[in-house]
Amino acid sequence: MYAAQIRPGGKGGSKDDVLELKFLGTRGEIEVHSRRHQRHSALLIEHNNARIMIDCGADWLGRLGAVAPTAIVLTHAHLDHAGGLAEGAPCPVYATGKTRSLLMRFPIRDRRIIPLTQTVKIDGVNFKAYRVEHSIRAPAVGYRVSVKTGSFFYLPDVARLPNPSAALRGVGVYIGDGATFRRSMVRTKDGVSIGHAPIATQLGWCAKAHVRRAIFTHCGSAIVRGDERASAAIVQNLGHEHGIDARLAYDGDRLRFA
């Protein structure tokens, strides 16, 4: 089972088998920021002694000491997801082979590969990478992450998720791309979808896969500079249209699976 609601920032638990997520950052690659959407989207997974960070954007450069990750996992090589590693990393960095090759200029000492659609155990937590469409130059993946007490799918940048029913089947929570509410930011080049699917489209994927909880990070300009309560209400109403509990994530929020 998983926690009934996101909790605001604070100290997390430390019991065995508890999986706790902390949204370190929830802002997309935009100039504007707000008090609750300050840093590039990044997620910290805490499980037993593990502190696994998913993505490490440019505004995390020089700040990894405070996070103290035991591992870093990357969704793709765009700088708002990997630029914080420009001076190296204090721990192993996991990525697909393509993302690894795009970041060879960074002085990362311990590079490890995550093959597509194969489960890899990182510090006791299972990761399975799924190819998604978002960028041609920096191909992206989403991660199905699981332990005994729960599972979630993390996909902060996406234009198209191939076969969403298979990718999302059985997950407790979908954590997706909050670039836009309903307006599509997707274009097609050489048969590949590029950009950002709206929240409304992603909720459709969740409905087909019977995922009843969705949280949106990597927030776009309309959300970050807009009225906080109004934005939250729009997302909740979009969720209700699909029978899904849908919410926005804010920097420092925590989610617990126990």
Protein backbone atom coordinates (compact mmCIF):
# COMPACT_ATOMS: atom_id res chain seq x y z
CA MET A 1 0.00 0.00 0.00
CA TYR A 2 1.08 3.62 -0.26
CA ALA A 3 0.52 6.77 1.73
CA ALA A 4 -2.87 8.40 1.27
CA GLN A 5 -1.44 11.82 0.51
CA ILE A 6 1.71 13.78 -0.15
CA ARG A 7 3.19 15.27 2.99
CA PRO A 8 4.99 18.61 3.05
CA GLY A 9 8.76 18.60 3.57
CA GLY A 10 10.09 17.21 6.82
CA LYS A 11 11.96 14.27 8.31
CA GLY A 12 11.24 10.89 6.80
CA GLY A 13 11.04 7.47 8.42
CA SER A 14 13.86 4.97 8.64
CA LYS A 15 12.12 1.61 9.19
CA ASP A 16 13.08 -1.38 7.08
CA ASP A 17 11.00 -1.93 3.91
CA VAL A 18 9.62 1.62 3.96
CA LEU A 19 10.05 3.41 0.65
CA GLU A 20 9.94 7.18 0.91
CA LEU A 21 10.17 9.67 -1.92
CA LYS A 22 11.22 13.28 -1.57
CA PHE A 23 10.68 15.74 -4.42
CA LEU A 24 13.97 17.64 -4.34
CA GLY A 25 12.89 19.85 -7.24
CA THR A 26 9.77 20.18 -9.37
CA ARG A 27 10.55 22.91 -11.92
CA GLY A 28 11.02 22.22 -15.62
CA GLU A 29 13.54 23.80 -17.99
CA ILE A 30 12.09 27.29 -17.69
CA GLU A 31 13.44 30.65 -16.53
CA VAL A 32 10.64 31.42 -14.08
CA HIS A 33 10.63 29.83 -10.63
CA SER A 34 8.60 30.20 -7.45
CA ARG A 35 8.96 29.50 -3.75
CA ARG A 36 7.49 26.00 -4.17
CA HIS A 37 8.99 25.25 -7.59
CA GLN A 38 12.59 26.42 -7.24
CA ARG A 39 14.88 23.72 -8.54
CA HIS A 40 15.02 21.45 -11.57
CA SER A 41 12.97 18.30 -11.16
CA ALA A 42 14.75 15.62 -9.15
CA LEU A 43 13.52 12.84 -6.90
CA LEU A 44 15.20 11.25 -3.88
CA ILE A 45 14.33 7.64 -3.03
CA GLU A 46 15.03 6.64 0.57
CA HIS A 47 14.91 2.92 1.36
CA ASN A 48 16.78 1.39 4.29
CA ASN A 49 20.29 2.89 3.86
CA ALA A 50 19.84 3.84 0.21
CA ARG A 51 19.49 7.43 -1.00
CA ILE A 52 18.94 7.17 -4.75
CA MET A 53 18.56 10.40 -6.69
CA ILE A 54 16.71 10.34 -10.02
CA ASP A 55 18.03 13.13 -12.28
CA CYS A 56 20.42 15.88 -11.35
CA GLY A 57 19.83 19.09 -13.31
CA ALA A 58 22.17 22.03 -13.75
CA ASP A 59 20.96 23.92 -10.71
CA TRP A 60 22.07 20.99 -8.54
CA LEU A 61 25.69 21.65 -9.51
CA GLY A 62 27.72 21.99 -6.30
CA ARG A 63 24.78 20.97 -4.11
CA LEU A 64 25.13 17.18 -4.10
CA GLY A 65 26.91 17.19 -0.74
CA ALA A 66 23.68 18.18 0.97
CA VAL A 67 21.74 15.42 -0.81
CA ALA A 68 24.38 12.73 -0.09
CA PRO A 69 23.13 10.25 -2.72
CA THR A 70 24.32 6.64 -2.69
CA ALA A 71 23.45 6.41 -6.41
CA ILE A 72 22.17 8.69 -9.18
CA VAL A 73 19.87 7.44 -11.95
CA LEU A 74 19.29 9.53 -15.09
CA THR A 75 16.25 9.61 -17.35
CA HIS A 76 18.11 11.38 -20.19
CA ALA A 77 20.96 13.75 -20.98
CA HIS A 78 19.26 17.15 -21.18
CA LEU A 79 21.01 19.62 -18.89
CA ASP A 80 17.97 20.15 -16.67
CA HIS A 81 18.26 16.43 -15.84
CA ALA A 82 22.01 15.81 -15.95
CA GLY A 83 23.82 19.17 -15.87
CA GLY A 84 24.47 18.92 -12.14
CA LEU A 85 27.05 16.23 -12.92
CA ALA A 86 29.28 18.53 -14.97
CA GLU A 87 31.92 18.39 -12.22
CA GLY A 88 31.46 14.69 -11.48
CA ALA A 89 29.48 12.68 -8.95
CA PRO A 90 30.19 11.34 -5.45
CA CYS A 91 28.53 7.99 -6.21
CA PRO A 92 27.76 5.59 -9.09
CA VAL A 93 25.71 7.10 -11.94
CA TYR A 94 23.27 4.81 -13.77
CA ALA A 95 21.89 5.54 -17.23
CA THR A 96 21.07 3.89 -20.53
CA GLY A 97 23.95 3.35 -22.93
CA LYS A 98 22.83 6.25 -25.11
CA THR A 99 22.63 8.69 -22.21
CA ARG A 100 26.00 7.52 -20.94
CA SER A 101 27.60 8.19 -24.32
CA LEU A 102 26.13 11.70 -24.45
CA LEU A 103 27.66 12.54 -21.07
CA MET A 104 31.20 11.27 -21.64
CA ARG A 105 32.48 14.86 -21.37
CA PHE A 106 31.53 14.88 -17.69
CA PRO A 107 34.19 13.56 -15.25
CA ILE A 108 32.00 10.82 -13.80
CA ARG A 109 34.24 8.10 -12.37
CA ASP A 110 31.71 5.30 -11.81
CA ARG A 111 29.37 4.91 -14.80
CA ARG A 112 26.91 2.02 -14.93
CA ILE A 113 24.50 0.90 -17.63
CA ILE A 114 20.77 0.25 -17.24
CA PRO A 115 19.57 -1.89 -20.16
CA LEU A 116 16.11 -1.21 -21.53
CA THR A 117 13.25 -3.38 -20.19
CA GLN A 118 15.50 -5.33 -17.84
CA THR A 119 15.14 -5.09 -14.07
CA VAL A 120 18.25 -3.76 -12.36
CA LYS A 121 18.60 -3.72 -8.57
CA ILE A 122 20.23 -0.55 -7.23
CA ASP A 123 20.88 -0.43 -3.48
CA GLY A 124 18.00 -2.85 -2.91
CA VAL A 125 15.52 -1.00 -5.15
CA ASN A 126 14.34 -2.42 -8.50
CA PHE A 127 14.52 -0.21 -11.61
CA LYS A 128 13.17 -1.08 -15.05
CA ALA A 129 13.74 1.38 -17.90
CA TYR A 130 11.12 1.92 -20.61
CA ARG A 131 11.86 3.81 -23.81
CA VAL A 132 9.70 6.89 -24.29
CA GLU A 133 9.56 9.60 -26.94
CA HIS A 134 10.62 13.09 -25.90
CA SER A 135 13.80 14.07 -27.76
CA ILE A 136 15.74 12.74 -30.73
CA ARG A 137 19.10 14.12 -29.61
CA ALA A 138 18.72 13.01 -26.00
CA PRO A 139 16.55 9.87 -25.95
CA ALA A 140 14.65 9.50 -22.70
CA VAL A 141 13.33 6.67 -20.57
CA GLY A 142 10.81 6.32 -17.78
CA TYR A 143 11.48 4.10 -14.80
CA ARG A 144 9.26 1.57 -13.12
CA VAL A 145 10.61 1.54 -9.55
CA SER A 146 9.61 -1.05 -6.98
CA VAL A 147 10.30 -2.66 -3.64
CA LYS A 148 8.22 -5.13 -1.64
CA THR A 149 6.03 -2.38 -0.18
CA GLY A 150 5.11 -0.53 -3.37
CA SER A 151 5.89 0.70 -6.86
CA PHE A 152 5.72 3.86 -8.95
CA PHE A 153 6.50 4.98 -12.49
CA TYR A 154 8.70 8.07 -12.89
CA LEU A 155 8.44 9.94 -16.17
CA PRO A 156 9.20 13.68 -15.82
CA ASP A 157 9.71 14.37 -19.55
CA VAL A 158 7.50 12.68 -22.15
CA ALA A 159 5.81 13.34 -25.47
CA ARG A 160 4.64 9.77 -26.04
CA LEU A 161 4.67 6.59 -23.95
CA PRO A 162 4.49 3.52 -26.19
CA ASN A 163 2.03 0.90 -24.92
CA PRO A 164 1.18 2.66 -21.65
CA SER A 165 -1.04 -0.17 -20.44
CA ALA A 166 1.93 -2.56 -20.36
CA ALA A 167 4.36 -0.03 -18.90
CA LEU A 168 2.05 1.16 -16.13
CA ARG A 169 0.18 -2.04 -15.30
CA GLY A 170 0.12 -2.64 -11.56
CA VAL A 171 1.98 0.48 -10.41
CA GLY A 172 0.66 2.33 -7.40
CA VAL A 173 1.53 5.87 -8.49
CA TYR A 174 2.37 7.58 -11.78
CA ILE A 175 4.74 10.56 -11.47
CA GLY A 176 4.64 12.47 -14.72
CA ASP A 177 5.38 15.57 -16.80
CA GLY A 178 3.72 18.77 -15.57
CA ALA A 179 4.70 21.03 -18.48
CA THR A 180 1.12 21.91 -19.44
CA PHE A 181 -2.47 21.20 -18.38
CA ARG A 182 -4.33 20.50 -21.65
CA ARG A 183 -2.36 22.24 -24.39
CA SER A 184 -0.17 19.81 -26.31
CA MET A 185 3.50 20.71 -26.68
CA VAL A 186 4.15 17.73 -28.95
CA ARG A 187 5.45 17.91 -32.51
CA THR A 188 6.64 15.14 -34.80
CA LYS A 189 10.00 14.87 -36.54
CA ASP A 190 11.08 11.85 -38.60
CA GLY A 191 8.18 9.91 -37.12
CA VAL A 192 9.21 10.60 -33.51
CA SER A 193 7.15 12.63 -31.05
CA ILE A 194 9.12 15.47 -29.49
CA GLY A 195 8.25 17.71 -26.57
CA HIS A 196 5.75 17.35 -23.75
CA ALA A 197 2.41 15.58 -23.54
CA PRO A 198 -0.17 17.51 -21.51
CA ILE A 199 -1.30 16.31 -18.11
CA ALA A 200 -4.71 15.46 -19.59
CA THR A 201 -3.15 13.01 -22.06
CA GLN A 202 -1.04 11.34 -19.38
CA LEU A 203 -4.09 10.86 -17.20
CA GLY A 204 -5.65 9.03 -20.14
CA TRP A 205 -2.69 6.64 -20.11
CA CYS A 206 -3.16 6.09 -16.38
CA ALA A 207 -6.88 5.41 -16.79
CA LYS A 208 -6.23 2.75 -19.42
CA ALA A 209 -3.72 1.05 -17.12
CA HIS A 210 -6.01 1.37 -14.07
CA VAL A 211 -3.52 3.55 -12.20
CA ARG A 212 -5.59 5.54 -9.70
CA ARG A 213 -3.00 8.00 -8.41
CA ALA A 214 -0.95 10.53 -10.39
CA ILE A 215 1.47 13.27 -9.31
CA PHE A 216 2.98 15.81 -11.68
CA THR A 217 6.48 17.29 -11.43
CA HIS A 218 8.73 19.08 -13.96
CA CYS A 219 6.20 21.89 -13.88
CA GLY A 220 5.91 24.37 -16.74
CA SER A 221 5.49 28.14 -16.78
CA ALA A 222 1.70 28.17 -16.47
CA ILE A 223 1.91 26.24 -13.21
CA VAL A 224 5.04 27.81 -11.73
CA ARG A 225 4.01 31.44 -12.28
CA GLY A 226 0.27 30.84 -11.92
CA ASP A 227 -1.97 30.90 -8.87
CA GLU A 228 -1.05 27.88 -6.75
CA ARG A 229 -4.57 27.00 -5.63
CA ALA A 230 -6.02 27.46 -9.10
CA SER A 231 -3.34 25.24 -10.67
CA ALA A 232 -3.88 22.53 -8.06
CA ALA A 233 -7.64 22.66 -8.67
CA ILE A 234 -7.21 22.33 -12.43
CA VAL A 235 -5.08 19.21 -12.01
CA GLN A 236 -7.49 17.70 -9.48
CA ASN A 237 -10.42 18.31 -11.83
CA LEU A 238 -8.56 16.76 -14.75
CA GLY A 239 -7.96 13.74 -12.56
CA HIS A 240 -11.63 13.51 -11.61
CA GLU A 241 -12.53 13.34 -15.30
CA HIS A 242 -10.60 10.04 -15.43
CA GLY A 243 -11.40 8.74 -11.94
CA ILE A 244 -7.85 9.47 -10.76
CA ASP A 245 -6.51 11.25 -7.70
CA ALA A 246 -4.24 13.76 -9.48
CA ARG A 247 -2.04 16.33 -7.79
CA LEU A 248 0.92 18.61 -8.32
CA ALA A 249 4.24 18.03 -6.58
CA TYR A 250 6.11 20.84 -4.83
CA ASP A 251 9.75 21.07 -3.77
CA GLY A 252 10.19 19.22 -0.48
CA ASP A 253 7.04 17.09 -0.70
CA ARG A 254 7.31 13.51 0.49
CA LEU A 255 5.42 10.36 -0.42
CA ARG A 256 5.65 7.20 1.67
CA PHE A 257 5.03 3.57 0.70
CA ALA A 258 4.70 1.24 3.69
